[in-house]
């Protein structure tokens, strides 16, 4: 299998164009067995997929522990990314915390769960509108001085906030949802990240599974997906038709729908890398195969026209969660 590596901004780090998002290994989309999850991560490393993306809020620490066990003895083979900033609020809802003192405490807790001395990429997972980003990033930069973190990232931050953060300390990576289905905010963000020499990490590049070809009826929707508007009855049929168009093009191209969708995202520029998630080794292999799919400019245009920008039905997140993204 051909693994295509891309640079992460000006960091000197290189990662596969297709990495591994680890969120689904903590029961987000259905039960996950820790032993199977650890084996999956080790399989990814063996393939050369060295970019592992986790967060302290995935399973509220559980995900980092799984990743930590999986990379034990292999730390030098991975580019390890984790995130902080989402906390449990009253009534079980998510809240955010970007206060400097919390940044320090969250990092120490993540290092312990991961069983490592240093995190390669440390992201603010969600912007805290109550705390100036300058204060949050200032605290993150102190972690670099202490050797606990190597490079900094932001997730779901608007361009103006990225520029303010970057003025305090260089931001290496920015993460935003980016797929054929949802691309307006990502493409607006990339105008800024490209100008600043920041790498763009596309999460949910398969539309949370919609672009895999596996979700054909409402009965296929499980776990956290059921709460997302795109999968609900008033939106599902419309989005399913968009996905069917990608499946038809993939069949002509001789690749899977997932591979076509990933290849399209990667064709947007060498500054883009993806972190699709999965619980299964065959799916991981399939996703990795997208790095071997070469699209001509005409094919890139055809795919974009098949799913026009803004054509997906339903918001990216439930109403409450939408208030916490792209701030």
C-alpha atoms as a PDB file:
ATOM      1  CA  UNK A   1       0.000   0.000   0.000  1.00  0.00           C
ATOM      2  CA  UNK A   2       1.297   3.420  -0.946  1.00  0.00           C
ATOM      3  CA  UNK A   3       1.425   5.878   1.958  1.00  0.00           C
ATOM      4  CA  UNK A   4       1.608   9.518   0.887  1.00  0.00           C
ATOM      5  CA  UNK A   5       3.063  11.853   3.493  1.00  0.00           C
ATOM      6  CA  UNK A   6       2.362  15.566   3.711  1.00  0.00           C
ATOM      7  CA  UNK A   7       4.067  18.273   5.780  1.00  0.00           C
ATOM      8  CA  UNK A   8       2.260  19.811   8.733  1.00  0.00           C
ATOM      9  CA  UNK A   9       2.730  23.504   8.164  1.00  0.00           C
ATOM     10  CA  UNK A  10       6.188  24.749   9.114  1.00  0.00           C
ATOM     11  CA  UNK A  11       6.669  22.234  11.928  1.00  0.00           C
ATOM     12  CA  UNK A  12       8.978  19.854  10.114  1.00  0.00           C
ATOM     13  CA  UNK A  13       6.542  17.033  10.881  1.00  0.00           C
ATOM     14  CA  UNK A  14       5.108  14.882   8.099  1.00  0.00           C
ATOM     15  CA  UNK A  15       2.038  12.686   8.410  1.00  0.00           C
ATOM     16  CA  UNK A  16       0.054  10.470   6.038  1.00  0.00           C
ATOM     17  CA  UNK A  17      -2.538  12.246   3.949  1.00  0.00           C
ATOM     18  CA  UNK A  18      -4.988   9.819   5.597  1.00  0.00           C
ATOM     19  CA  UNK A  19      -4.494   9.464   9.341  1.00  0.00           C
ATOM     20  CA  UNK A  20      -6.658   7.899  12.053  1.00  0.00           C
ATOM     21  CA  UNK A  21      -9.270   9.723  14.096  1.00  0.00           C
ATOM     22  CA  UNK A  22      -9.768   7.727  17.278  1.00  0.00           C
ATOM     23  CA  UNK A  23     -13.099   9.088  18.572  1.00  0.00           C
ATOM     24  CA  UNK A  24     -15.155   6.052  17.526  1.00  0.00           C
ATOM     25  CA  UNK A  25     -12.978   3.818  19.725  1.00  0.00           C
ATOM     26  CA  UNK A  26     -14.850   5.101  22.775  1.00  0.00           C
ATOM     27  CA  UNK A  27     -18.385   4.024  21.969  1.00  0.00           C
ATOM     28  CA  UNK A  28     -19.462   7.117  20.069  1.00  0.00           C
ATOM     29  CA  UNK A  29     -20.896   5.133  17.152  1.00  0.00           C
ATOM     30  CA  UNK A  30     -21.579   1.892  18.957  1.00  0.00           C
ATOM     31  CA  UNK A  31     -19.733  -0.446  21.332  1.00  0.00           C
ATOM     32  CA  UNK A  32     -15.971  -0.714  20.976  1.00  0.00           C
ATOM     33  CA  UNK A  33     -13.779  -3.361  22.589  1.00  0.00           C
ATOM     34  CA  UNK A  34     -10.542  -1.958  23.980  1.00  0.00           C
ATOM     35  CA  UNK A  35      -8.415  -4.902  22.860  1.00  0.00           C
ATOM     36  CA  UNK A  36      -9.763  -4.599  19.321  1.00  0.00           C
ATOM     37  CA  UNK A  37      -9.216  -0.838  19.370  1.00  0.00           C
ATOM     38  CA  UNK A  38      -5.621  -1.203  20.519  1.00  0.00           C
ATOM     39  CA  UNK A  39      -5.001  -3.787  17.800  1.00  0.00           C
ATOM     40  CA  UNK A  40      -6.477  -1.420  15.228  1.00  0.00           C
ATOM     41  CA  UNK A  41      -4.114   1.368  16.254  1.00  0.00           C
ATOM     42  CA  UNK A  42      -1.113  -0.934  16.120  1.00  0.00           C
ATOM     43  CA  UNK A  43      -2.244  -2.106  12.670  1.00  0.00           C
ATOM     44  CA  UNK A  44      -2.378   1.521  11.533  1.00  0.00           C
ATOM     45  CA  UNK A  45       1.152   2.132  12.803  1.00  0.00           C
ATOM     46  CA  UNK A  46       2.383  -0.975  11.032  1.00  0.00           C
ATOM     47  CA  UNK A  47       0.932   0.359   7.771  1.00  0.00           C
ATOM     48  CA  UNK A  48       2.735   3.658   8.246  1.00  0.00           C
ATOM     49  CA  UNK A  49      -0.342   5.607   9.335  1.00  0.00           C
ATOM     50  CA  UNK A  50       1.418   7.450  12.123  1.00  0.00           C
ATOM     51  CA  UNK A  51      -1.005  10.349  12.708  1.00  0.00           C
ATOM     52  CA  UNK A  52      -3.288   9.487  15.644  1.00  0.00           C
ATOM     53  CA  UNK A  53      -5.889  12.031  16.750  1.00  0.00           C
ATOM     54  CA  UNK A  54      -7.635  11.749  20.115  1.00  0.00           C
ATOM     55  CA  UNK A  55      -9.119  14.065  22.762  1.00  0.00           C
ATOM     56  CA  UNK A  56      -9.600  14.152  26.493  1.00  0.00           C
ATOM     57  CA  UNK A  57     -13.380  14.348  25.973  1.00  0.00           C
ATOM     58  CA  UNK A  58     -13.689  11.150  23.898  1.00  0.00           C
ATOM     59  CA  UNK A  59     -15.049   8.856  26.566  1.00  0.00           C
ATOM     60  CA  UNK A  60     -13.884  11.489  29.084  1.00  0.00           C
ATOM     61  CA  UNK A  61     -10.348  10.153  29.229  1.00  0.00           C
ATOM     62  CA  UNK A  62     -11.027   6.608  28.072  1.00  0.00           C
ATOM     63  CA  UNK A  63      -9.863   7.257  24.504  1.00  0.00           C
ATOM     64  CA  UNK A  64      -6.510   8.626  25.573  1.00  0.00           C
ATOM     65  CA  UNK A  65      -5.959   5.600  27.790  1.00  0.00           C
ATOM     66  CA  UNK A  66      -6.683   3.247  24.870  1.00  0.00           C
ATOM     67  CA  UNK A  67      -4.322   5.169  22.600  1.00  0.00           C
ATOM     68  CA  UNK A  68      -1.681   5.255  25.304  1.00  0.00           C
ATOM     69  CA  UNK A  69      -1.712   1.498  25.733  1.00  0.00           C
ATOM     70  CA  UNK A  70      -1.655   0.944  21.967  1.00  0.00           C
ATOM     71  CA  UNK A  71       1.426   3.109  21.399  1.00  0.00           C
ATOM     72  CA  UNK A  72       3.368   1.810  24.380  1.00  0.00           C
ATOM     73  CA  UNK A  73       6.779   0.837  23.052  1.00  0.00           C
ATOM     74  CA  UNK A  74       6.023   2.590  19.744  1.00  0.00           C
ATOM     75  CA  UNK A  75       5.963   6.220  20.797  1.00  0.00           C
ATOM     76  CA  UNK A  76       8.733   7.137  18.386  1.00  0.00           C
ATOM     77  CA  UNK A  77       6.670   5.881  15.452  1.00  0.00           C
ATOM     78  CA  UNK A  78       3.652   8.186  15.864  1.00  0.00           C
ATOM     79  CA  UNK A  79       2.641  11.817  15.608  1.00  0.00           C
ATOM     80  CA  UNK A  80       0.341  12.068  18.593  1.00  0.00           C
ATOM     81  CA  UNK A  81      -2.431  14.659  18.680  1.00  0.00           C
ATOM     82  CA  UNK A  82      -4.883  15.304  21.485  1.00  0.00           C
ATOM     83  CA  UNK A  83      -7.246  18.089  22.431  1.00  0.00           C
ATOM     84  CA  UNK A  84      -8.553  19.877  25.509  1.00  0.00           C
ATOM     85  CA  UNK A  85     -11.236  22.426  26.239  1.00  0.00           C
ATOM     86  CA  UNK A  86     -14.496  20.501  26.387  1.00  0.00           C
ATOM     87  CA  UNK A  87     -15.652  19.715  29.915  1.00  0.00           C
ATOM     88  CA  UNK A  88     -18.683  18.134  31.495  1.00  0.00           C
ATOM     89  CA  UNK A  89     -21.272  20.734  32.306  1.00  0.00           C
ATOM     90  CA  UNK A  90     -24.270  20.558  34.612  1.00  0.00           C
ATOM     91  CA  UNK A  91     -26.786  17.923  33.621  1.00  0.00           C
ATOM     92  CA  UNK A  92     -24.241  16.063  31.514  1.00  0.00           C
ATOM     93  CA  UNK A  93     -24.062  18.647  28.745  1.00  0.00           C
ATOM     94  CA  UNK A  94     -20.717  19.720  27.310  1.00  0.00           C
ATOM     95  CA  UNK A  95     -19.223  23.016  28.405  1.00  0.00           C
ATOM     96  CA  UNK A  96     -15.943  24.684  27.473  1.00  0.00           C
ATOM     97  CA  UNK A  97     -12.974  25.892  29.492  1.00  0.00           C
ATOM     98  CA  UNK A  98     -10.096  27.851  28.010  1.00  0.00           C
ATOM     99  CA  UNK A  99      -8.729  29.398  31.216  1.00  0.00           C
ATOM    100  CA  UNK A 100      -4.936  29.268  31.485  1.00  0.00           C
ATOM    101  CA  UNK A 101      -4.962  27.298  34.725  1.00  0.00           C
ATOM    102  CA  UNK A 102      -7.227  24.698  33.131  1.00  0.00           C
ATOM    103  CA  UNK A 103      -4.932  24.409  30.101  1.00  0.00           C
ATOM    104  CA  UNK A 104      -2.071  23.354  32.372  1.00  0.00           C
ATOM    105  CA  UNK A 105      -4.152  20.882  34.369  1.00  0.00           C
ATOM    106  CA  UNK A 106      -5.733  19.341  31.262  1.00  0.00           C
ATOM    107  CA  UNK A 107      -2.356  18.799  29.623  1.00  0.00           C
ATOM    108  CA  UNK A 108      -0.916  17.087  32.687  1.00  0.00           C
ATOM    109  CA  UNK A 109      -3.936  14.789  32.858  1.00  0.00           C
ATOM    110  CA  UNK A 110      -3.653  13.901  29.160  1.00  0.00           C
ATOM    111  CA  UNK A 111       0.068  13.152  29.464  1.00  0.00           C
ATOM    112  CA  UNK A 112      -0.667  10.775  32.315  1.00  0.00           C
ATOM    113  CA  UNK A 113      -3.475   8.959  30.492  1.00  0.00           C
ATOM    114  CA  UNK A 114      -1.429   8.686  27.298  1.00  0.00           C
ATOM    115  CA  UNK A 115       1.627   7.499  29.199  1.00  0.00           C
ATOM    116  CA  UNK A 116       3.941   9.909  27.372  1.00  0.00           C
ATOM    117  CA  UNK A 117       6.201  12.808  28.259  1.00  0.00           C
ATOM    118  CA  UNK A 118       5.317  14.974  25.260  1.00  0.00           C
ATOM    119  CA  UNK A 119       2.289  15.550  23.014  1.00  0.00           C
ATOM    120  CA  UNK A 120       3.158  16.357  19.408  1.00  0.00           C
ATOM    121  CA  UNK A 121       0.031  18.355  18.515  1.00  0.00           C
ATOM    122  CA  UNK A 122      -2.028  19.937  21.281  1.00  0.00           C
ATOM    123  CA  UNK A 123      -5.324  21.504  20.228  1.00  0.00           C
ATOM    124  CA  UNK A 124      -7.867  23.734  21.856  1.00  0.00           C
ATOM    125  CA  UNK A 125     -10.842  21.511  21.004  1.00  0.00           C
ATOM    126  CA  UNK A 126     -13.512  24.191  21.269  1.00  0.00           C
ATOM    127  CA  UNK A 127     -13.150  27.933  21.607  1.00  0.00           C
ATOM    128  CA  UNK A 128     -14.101  29.417  24.968  1.00  0.00           C
ATOM    129  CA  UNK A 129     -15.761  32.750  24.089  1.00  0.00           C
ATOM    130  CA  UNK A 130     -15.409  33.912  27.692  1.00  0.00           C
ATOM    131  CA  UNK A 131     -11.608  33.733  27.606  1.00  0.00           C
ATOM    132  CA  UNK A 132      -9.478  35.741  25.156  1.00  0.00           C
ATOM    133  CA  UNK A 133      -7.777  33.314  22.804  1.00  0.00           C
ATOM    134  CA  UNK A 134      -4.543  35.178  23.523  1.00  0.00           C
ATOM    135  CA  UNK A 135      -4.720  33.998  27.145  1.00  0.00           C
ATOM    136  CA  UNK A 136      -5.463  30.397  26.196  1.00  0.00           C
ATOM    137  CA  UNK A 137      -2.743  30.184  23.560  1.00  0.00           C
ATOM    138  CA  UNK A 138      -0.322  31.957  25.869  1.00  0.00           C
ATOM    139  CA  UNK A 139      -0.812  29.169  28.396  1.00  0.00           C
ATOM    140  CA  UNK A 140      -0.452  26.558  25.640  1.00  0.00           C
ATOM    141  CA  UNK A 141       2.850  28.125  24.588  1.00  0.00           C
ATOM    142  CA  UNK A 142       4.197  27.702  28.125  1.00  0.00           C
ATOM    143  CA  UNK A 143       3.618  23.960  27.713  1.00  0.00           C
ATOM    144  CA  UNK A 144       6.045  24.041  24.803  1.00  0.00           C
ATOM    145  CA  UNK A 145       8.616  25.828  26.969  1.00  0.00           C
ATOM    146  CA  UNK A 146       8.199  23.058  29.541  1.00  0.00           C
ATOM    147  CA  UNK A 147       8.678  20.321  26.942  1.00  0.00           C
ATOM    148  CA  UNK A 148       5.181  18.917  27.437  1.00  0.00           C
ATOM    149  CA  UNK A 149       3.919  19.886  23.990  1.00  0.00           C
ATOM    150  CA  UNK A 150       5.687  20.344  20.646  1.00  0.00           C
ATOM    151  CA  UNK A 151       3.186  22.204  18.433  1.00  0.00           C
ATOM    152  CA  UNK A 152      -0.162  23.952  18.848  1.00  0.00           C
ATOM    153  CA  UNK A 153      -3.508  23.618  17.115  1.00  0.00           C
ATOM    154  CA  UNK A 154      -7.026  25.014  17.148  1.00  0.00           C
ATOM    155  CA  UNK A 155     -10.286  23.280  16.299  1.00  0.00           C
ATOM    156  CA  UNK A 156     -13.452  24.938  14.978  1.00  0.00           C
ATOM    157  CA  UNK A 157     -12.006  28.447  15.234  1.00  0.00           C
ATOM    158  CA  UNK A 158     -12.984  31.269  12.907  1.00  0.00           C
ATOM    159  CA  UNK A 159     -10.317  32.900  10.731  1.00  0.00           C
ATOM    160  CA  UNK A 160     -10.097  36.039  12.829  1.00  0.00           C
ATOM    161  CA  UNK A 161      -9.518  33.989  15.976  1.00  0.00           C
ATOM    162  CA  UNK A 162      -6.866  31.920  14.220  1.00  0.00           C
ATOM    163  CA  UNK A 163      -5.012  35.117  13.304  1.00  0.00           C
ATOM    164  CA  UNK A 164      -5.180  36.403  16.879  1.00  0.00           C
ATOM    165  CA  UNK A 165      -3.897  33.090  18.223  1.00  0.00           C
ATOM    166  CA  UNK A 166      -1.132  32.890  15.628  1.00  0.00           C
ATOM    167  CA  UNK A 167       0.091  36.334  16.667  1.00  0.00           C
ATOM    168  CA  UNK A 168       0.706  35.015  20.198  1.00  0.00           C
ATOM    169  CA  UNK A 169       2.425  31.786  19.176  1.00  0.00           C
ATOM    170  CA  UNK A 170       2.669  30.032  15.807  1.00  0.00           C
ATOM    171  CA  UNK A 171      -0.280  27.710  15.199  1.00  0.00           C
ATOM    172  CA  UNK A 172       0.778  24.591  13.316  1.00  0.00           C
ATOM    173  CA  UNK A 173      -2.589  22.960  12.578  1.00  0.00           C
ATOM    174  CA  UNK A 174      -6.270  23.872  12.453  1.00  0.00           C
ATOM    175  CA  UNK A 175      -9.026  21.276  12.508  1.00  0.00           C
ATOM    176  CA  UNK A 176     -12.512  21.763  11.073  1.00  0.00           C
ATOM    177  CA  UNK A 177     -15.115  19.403   9.661  1.00  0.00           C
ATOM    178  CA  UNK A 178     -14.522  19.148   5.908  1.00  0.00           C
ATOM    179  CA  UNK A 179     -16.184  16.850   3.429  1.00  0.00           C
ATOM    180  CA  UNK A 180     -18.135  17.033   0.201  1.00  0.00           C
ATOM    181  CA  UNK A 181     -21.255  17.492   2.299  1.00  0.00           C
ATOM    182  CA  UNK A 182     -20.008  20.279   4.574  1.00  0.00           C
ATOM    183  CA  UNK A 183     -17.331  22.571   3.212  1.00  0.00           C
ATOM    184  CA  UNK A 184     -18.309  26.241   3.418  1.00  0.00           C
ATOM    185  CA  UNK A 185     -16.704  26.952   6.790  1.00  0.00           C
ATOM    186  CA  UNK A 186     -13.658  24.786   6.067  1.00  0.00           C
ATOM    187  CA  UNK A 187     -12.949  26.524   2.780  1.00  0.00           C
ATOM    188  CA  UNK A 188     -13.335  29.932   4.380  1.00  0.00           C
ATOM    189  CA  UNK A 189     -10.902  28.836   7.113  1.00  0.00           C
ATOM    190  CA  UNK A 190      -8.388  27.523   4.594  1.00  0.00           C
ATOM    191  CA  UNK A 191      -8.004  30.935   3.013  1.00  0.00           C
ATOM    192  CA  UNK A 192      -6.467  32.018   6.320  1.00  0.00           C
ATOM    193  CA  UNK A 193      -4.523  28.869   7.135  1.00  0.00           C
ATOM    194  CA  UNK A 194      -2.905  28.798   3.699  1.00  0.00           C
ATOM    195  CA  UNK A 195      -1.896  32.454   4.041  1.00  0.00           C
ATOM    196  CA  UNK A 196      -0.292  31.755   7.432  1.00  0.00           C
ATOM    197  CA  UNK A 197       1.391  28.489   6.478  1.00  0.00           C
ATOM    198  CA  UNK A 198      -0.841  26.433   8.783  1.00  0.00           C
ATOM    199  CA  UNK A 199      -1.799  22.857   7.938  1.00  0.00           C
ATOM    200  CA  UNK A 200      -5.478  21.989   7.707  1.00  0.00           C
ATOM    201  CA  UNK A 201      -6.743  18.780   9.316  1.00  0.00           C
ATOM    202  CA  UNK A 202     -10.100  17.664   7.923  1.00  0.00           C
ATOM    203  CA  UNK A 203     -12.174  15.763  10.448  1.00  0.00           C
ATOM    204  CA  UNK A 204     -15.312  13.838   9.489  1.00  0.00           C
ATOM    205  CA  UNK A 205     -14.144  13.796   5.853  1.00  0.00           C
ATOM    206  CA  UNK A 206     -16.669  11.043   5.148  1.00  0.00           C
ATOM    207  CA  UNK A 207     -19.615  13.025   6.465  1.00  0.00           C
ATOM    208  CA  UNK A 208     -19.813  10.875   9.610  1.00  0.00           C
ATOM    209  CA  UNK A 209     -20.286   7.822   7.438  1.00  0.00           C
ATOM    210  CA  UNK A 210     -22.741   9.189   4.893  1.00  0.00           C
ATOM    211  CA  UNK A 211     -20.140   9.057   2.121  1.00  0.00           C
ATOM    212  CA  UNK A 212     -19.048   5.476   2.796  1.00  0.00           C
ATOM    213  CA  UNK A 213     -22.024   3.889   1.062  1.00  0.00           C
ATOM    214  CA  UNK A 214     -22.832   1.923   4.215  1.00  0.00           C
ATOM    215  CA  UNK A 215     -25.731   4.085   5.458  1.00  0.00           C
ATOM    216  CA  UNK A 216     -28.619   3.468   3.093  1.00  0.00           C
ATOM    217  CA  UNK A 217     -31.680   3.603   5.359  1.00  0.00           C
ATOM    218  CA  UNK A 218     -32.663   5.229   8.624  1.00  0.00           C
ATOM    219  CA  UNK A 219     -32.329   1.792  10.180  1.00  0.00           C
ATOM    220  CA  UNK A 220     -28.569   1.954   9.581  1.00  0.00           C
ATOM    221  CA  UNK A 221     -28.181   4.958  11.875  1.00  0.00           C
ATOM    222  CA  UNK A 222     -26.838   4.158  15.322  1.00  0.00           C
ATOM    223  CA  UNK A 223     -25.097   5.747  18.288  1.00  0.00           C
ATOM    224  CA  UNK A 224     -24.364   9.437  18.247  1.00  0.00           C
ATOM    225  CA  UNK A 225     -25.341   9.789  14.590  1.00  0.00           C
ATOM    226  CA  UNK A 226     -29.019   9.610  15.468  1.00  0.00           C
ATOM    227  CA  UNK A 227     -28.787  12.998  17.202  1.00  0.00           C
ATOM    228  CA  UNK A 228     -27.304  14.724  14.175  1.00  0.00           C
ATOM    229  CA  UNK A 229     -29.768  16.557  11.908  1.00  0.00           C
ATOM    230  CA  UNK A 230     -28.239  15.194   8.701  1.00  0.00           C
ATOM    231  CA  UNK A 231     -29.380  11.689   9.664  1.00  0.00           C
ATOM    232  CA  UNK A 232     -32.899  12.556  10.794  1.00  0.00           C
ATOM    233  CA  UNK A 233     -35.945  11.685   8.724  1.00  0.00           C
ATOM    234  CA  UNK A 234     -36.575  15.169   7.328  1.00  0.00           C
ATOM    235  CA  UNK A 235     -33.025  15.343   5.929  1.00  0.00           C
ATOM    236  CA  UNK A 236     -31.966  11.749   5.347  1.00  0.00           C
ATOM    237  CA  UNK A 237     -33.457  11.069   1.914  1.00  0.00           C
ATOM    238  CA  UNK A 238     -31.994  14.229   0.416  1.00  0.00           C
ATOM    239  CA  UNK A 239     -28.513  13.508   1.758  1.00  0.00           C
ATOM    240  CA  UNK A 240     -28.759   9.876   0.765  1.00  0.00           C
ATOM    241  CA  UNK A 241     -29.324  10.993  -2.838  1.00  0.00           C
ATOM    242  CA  UNK A 242     -26.168  13.119  -2.690  1.00  0.00           C
ATOM    243  CA  UNK A 243     -24.219  10.137  -1.393  1.00  0.00           C
ATOM    244  CA  UNK A 244     -25.621   7.951  -4.185  1.00  0.00           C
ATOM    245  CA  UNK A 245     -24.128  10.330  -6.749  1.00  0.00           C
ATOM    246  CA  UNK A 246     -20.687   9.793  -5.215  1.00  0.00           C
ATOM    247  CA  UNK A 247     -21.239   6.040  -5.225  1.00  0.00           C
ATOM    248  CA  UNK A 248     -22.006   6.132  -8.944  1.00  0.00           C
ATOM    249  CA  UNK A 249     -18.850   8.095  -9.752  1.00  0.00           C
ATOM    250  CA  UNK A 250     -16.768   5.792  -7.546  1.00  0.00           C
ATOM    251  CA  UNK A 251     -18.093   2.753  -9.379  1.00  0.00           C
ATOM    252  CA  UNK A 252     -16.946   4.252 -12.682  1.00  0.00           C
ATOM    253  CA  UNK A 253     -13.587   5.186 -11.170  1.00  0.00           C
ATOM    254  CA  UNK A 254     -13.047   1.689  -9.799  1.00  0.00           C
ATOM    255  CA  UNK A 255     -12.684   2.674  -6.157  1.00  0.00           C
ATOM    256  CA  UNK A 256     -14.954   2.727  -3.124  1.00  0.00           C
ATOM    257  CA  UNK A 257     -17.164   5.727  -2.277  1.00  0.00           C
ATOM    258  CA  UNK A 258     -15.030   6.367   0.809  1.00  0.00           C
ATOM    259  CA  UNK A 259     -11.863   6.428  -1.249  1.00  0.00           C
ATOM    260  CA  UNK A 260     -13.373   8.819  -3.769  1.00  0.00           C
ATOM    261  CA  UNK A 261     -14.642  11.179  -1.073  1.00  0.00           C
ATOM    262  CA  UNK A 262     -11.283  11.186   0.704  1.00  0.00           C
ATOM    263  CA  UNK A 263      -9.373  11.622  -2.539  1.00  0.00           C
ATOM    264  CA  UNK A 264     -11.518  14.668  -3.354  1.00  0.00           C
ATOM    265  CA  UNK A 265     -10.701  16.311  -0.022  1.00  0.00           C
ATOM    266  CA  UNK A 266      -7.005  15.559  -0.480  1.00  0.00           C
ATOM    267  CA  UNK A 267      -7.106  17.006  -3.991  1.00  0.00           C
ATOM    268  CA  UNK A 268      -7.944  20.415  -2.529  1.00  0.00           C
ATOM    269  CA  UNK A 269      -4.281  21.018  -1.680  1.00  0.00           C
ATOM    270  CA  UNK A 270      -1.142  19.577  -0.128  1.00  0.00           C
ATOM    271  CA  UNK A 271      -1.861  21.573   3.025  1.00  0.00           C
ATOM    272  CA  UNK A 272      -4.816  19.238   3.761  1.00  0.00           C
ATOM    273  CA  UNK A 273      -4.681  15.947   5.645  1.00  0.00           C
ATOM    274  CA  UNK A 274      -7.621  13.841   6.808  1.00  0.00           C
ATOM    275  CA  UNK A 275      -8.396  11.843   9.941  1.00  0.00           C
ATOM    276  CA  UNK A 276     -11.312   9.506   9.159  1.00  0.00           C
ATOM    277  CA  UNK A 277     -12.314   7.319  12.065  1.00  0.00           C
ATOM    278  CA  UNK A 278     -13.191   3.650  12.170  1.00  0.00           C
ATOM    279  CA  UNK A 279     -13.328   0.685  14.528  1.00  0.00           C
ATOM    280  CA  UNK A 280     -12.444  -1.897  11.895  1.00  0.00           C
ATOM    281  CA  UNK A 281      -9.166  -2.845  10.216  1.00  0.00           C
ATOM    282  CA  UNK A 282     -10.704  -3.525   6.770  1.00  0.00           C
ATOM    283  CA  UNK A 283     -12.253  -0.058   6.775  1.00  0.00           C
ATOM    284  CA  UNK A 284      -8.947   1.459   7.859  1.00  0.00           C
ATOM    285  CA  UNK A 285      -7.229  -0.312   4.952  1.00  0.00           C
ATOM    286  CA  UNK A 286      -9.934   0.946   2.596  1.00  0.00           C
ATOM    287  CA  UNK A 287      -9.508   4.519   3.787  1.00  0.00           C
ATOM    288  CA  UNK A 288      -5.738   4.295   3.452  1.00  0.00           C
ATOM    289  CA  UNK A 289      -6.254   3.149  -0.132  1.00  0.00           C
ATOM    290  CA  UNK A 290      -7.567   6.621  -0.938  1.00  0.00           C
ATOM    291  CA  UNK A 291      -3.942   7.760  -1.066  1.00  0.00           C
ATOM    292  CA  UNK A 292      -3.560   5.679  -4.234  1.00  0.00           C
ATOM    293  CA  UNK A 293      -6.583   7.266  -5.951  1.00  0.00           C
ATOM    294  CA  UNK A 294      -5.471   9.972  -8.361  1.00  0.00           C
ATOM    295  CA  UNK A 295      -8.126  12.403  -9.576  1.00  0.00           C
ATOM    296  CA  UNK A 296      -7.766  14.547 -12.676  1.00  0.00           C
ATOM    297  CA  UNK A 297      -8.849  18.199 -12.471  1.00  0.00           C
ATOM    298  CA  UNK A 298     -11.910  17.261 -14.521  1.00  0.00           C
ATOM    299  CA  UNK A 299     -12.821  14.501 -12.048  1.00  0.00           C
ATOM    300  CA  UNK A 300     -12.371  16.859  -9.092  1.00  0.00           C
ATOM    301  CA  UNK A 301     -14.776  19.267 -10.759  1.00  0.00           C
ATOM    302  CA  UNK A 302     -17.280  16.536 -11.616  1.00  0.00           C
ATOM    303  CA  UNK A 303     -17.340  15.318  -8.014  1.00  0.00           C
ATOM    304  CA  UNK A 304     -17.800  18.837  -6.648  1.00  0.00           C
ATOM    305  CA  UNK A 305     -20.630  19.462  -9.101  1.00  0.00           C
ATOM    306  CA  UNK A 306     -22.338  16.213  -8.089  1.00  0.00           C
ATOM    307  CA  UNK A 307     -22.568  17.492  -4.510  1.00  0.00           C
ATOM    308  CA  UNK A 308     -22.668  21.286  -4.830  1.00  0.00           C
ATOM    309  CA  UNK A 309     -21.398  23.404  -1.975  1.00  0.00           C
ATOM    310  CA  UNK A 310     -24.189  23.985   0.528  1.00  0.00           C
ATOM    311  CA  UNK A 311     -26.427  21.254  -0.882  1.00  0.00           C
ATOM    312  CA  UNK A 312     -26.440  19.018   2.214  1.00  0.00           C
ATOM    313  CA  UNK A 313     -29.614  19.126   4.278  1.00  0.00           C
ATOM    314  CA  UNK A 314     -29.414  19.621   8.036  1.00  0.00           C
ATOM    315  CA  UNK A 315     -26.825  21.315  10.225  1.00  0.00           C
ATOM    316  CA  UNK A 316     -23.462  19.765  11.056  1.00  0.00           C
ATOM    317  CA  UNK A 317     -24.397  19.314  14.736  1.00  0.00           C
ATOM    318  CA  UNK A 318     -27.535  19.392  16.884  1.00  0.00           C
ATOM    319  CA  UNK A 319     -28.715  22.908  17.702  1.00  0.00           C
ATOM    320  CA  UNK A 320     -26.970  23.176  21.068  1.00  0.00           C
ATOM    321  CA  UNK A 321     -23.632  21.939  19.776  1.00  0.00           C
ATOM    322  CA  UNK A 322     -23.768  24.286  16.789  1.00  0.00           C
ATOM    323  CA  UNK A 323     -23.473  27.178  19.219  1.00  0.00           C
ATOM    324  CA  UNK A 324     -20.006  25.928  20.213  1.00  0.00           C
ATOM    325  CA  UNK A 325     -18.450  25.474  16.771  1.00  0.00           C
ATOM    326  CA  UNK A 326     -16.804  27.901  14.404  1.00  0.00           C
ATOM    327  CA  UNK A 327     -16.318  30.664  16.950  1.00  0.00           C
END
